[in-house]
Amino acid sequence: MHHFAALEDPRSPTQRRHVLSEMLVMAIAATLGGADGWVGVATFAKAKEAWLRTFLTLPSNAPVAR
């Protein structure tokens, strides 16, 4: 998380539901767990939400695939 703190968030401020650095951590963890796209990342995050909450805040809960 520390390494991602300096990244500029390119998303629209009004559309941000998830913290960028947390999304990056979830994407890396999901990819290591076999996810191959954003649907896989969302599926992984939902399944591992309790574990992710041990080190992420997830203020808008785990992301969901749309």
Protein backbone atom coordinates (compact mmCIF):
# COMPACT_ATOMS: atom_id res chain seq x y z
CA MET A 1 0.00 0.00 0.00
CA HIS A 2 2.85 2.35 0.82
CA HIS A 3 4.29 2.00 -2.68
CA PHE A 4 0.97 2.89 -4.32
CA ALA A 5 0.30 5.97 -2.17
CA ALA A 6 2.05 8.35 -4.58
CA LEU A 7 0.03 7.24 -7.62
CA GLU A 8 -2.36 9.81 -9.03
CA ASP A 9 -5.92 8.51 -9.34
CA PRO A 10 -7.12 9.18 -12.92
CA ARG A 11 -10.76 8.35 -12.11
CA SER A 12 -13.45 11.01 -11.80
CA PRO A 13 -13.72 12.09 -8.14
CA THR A 14 -17.51 11.71 -8.23
CA GLN A 15 -17.28 8.11 -9.49
CA ARG A 16 -14.75 6.76 -6.99
CA ARG A 17 -16.27 4.11 -4.76
CA HIS A 18 -13.05 2.25 -3.94
CA VAL A 19 -9.62 3.42 -2.85
CA LEU A 20 -7.19 3.11 -5.79
CA SER A 21 -4.35 1.63 -3.75
CA GLU A 22 -6.74 -0.98 -2.30
CA MET A 23 -7.99 -1.86 -5.78
CA LEU A 24 -4.40 -2.40 -6.89
CA VAL A 25 -3.68 -4.66 -3.90
CA MET A 26 -6.85 -6.66 -4.61
CA ALA A 27 -5.95 -6.95 -8.31
CA ILE A 28 -2.46 -8.24 -7.51
CA ALA A 29 -3.74 -10.72 -4.92
CA ALA A 30 -6.49 -11.92 -7.26
CA THR A 31 -4.07 -12.30 -10.16
CA LEU A 32 -1.76 -14.37 -7.98
CA GLY A 33 -4.84 -16.41 -7.09
CA GLY A 34 -5.64 -17.08 -10.75
CA ALA A 35 -7.98 -14.22 -11.74
CA ASP A 36 -7.60 -13.12 -15.35
CA GLY A 37 -9.80 -10.03 -15.54
CA TRP A 38 -11.87 -7.58 -13.51
CA VAL A 39 -14.73 -10.05 -13.09
CA GLY A 40 -12.22 -12.48 -11.61
CA VAL A 41 -10.84 -9.76 -9.34
CA ALA A 42 -14.34 -8.91 -8.10
CA THR A 43 -15.15 -12.59 -7.57
CA PHE A 44 -11.91 -13.08 -5.66
CA ALA A 45 -12.48 -9.94 -3.56
CA LYS A 46 -16.00 -11.02 -2.60
CA ALA A 47 -14.87 -14.52 -1.70
CA LYS A 48 -11.89 -13.24 0.32
CA GLU A 49 -13.51 -10.11 1.75
CA ALA A 50 -13.01 -11.13 5.40
CA TRP A 51 -9.31 -11.78 4.77
CA LEU A 52 -8.89 -8.55 2.78
CA ARG A 53 -10.44 -6.58 5.65
CA THR A 54 -7.57 -7.67 7.88
CA PHE A 55 -5.32 -5.20 6.04
CA LEU A 56 -7.60 -3.05 3.82
CA THR A 57 -10.36 -0.66 4.89
CA LEU A 58 -12.78 -1.44 2.03
CA PRO A 59 -15.00 1.58 2.81
CA SER A 60 -17.47 0.59 0.04
CA ASN A 61 -17.19 -3.17 0.65
CA ALA A 62 -15.58 -5.49 -1.88
CA PRO A 63 -16.08 -4.50 -5.52
CA VAL A 64 -18.73 -6.32 -7.52
CA ALA A 65 -18.62 -7.26 -11.19
CA ARG A 66 -21.04 -5.31 -13.34
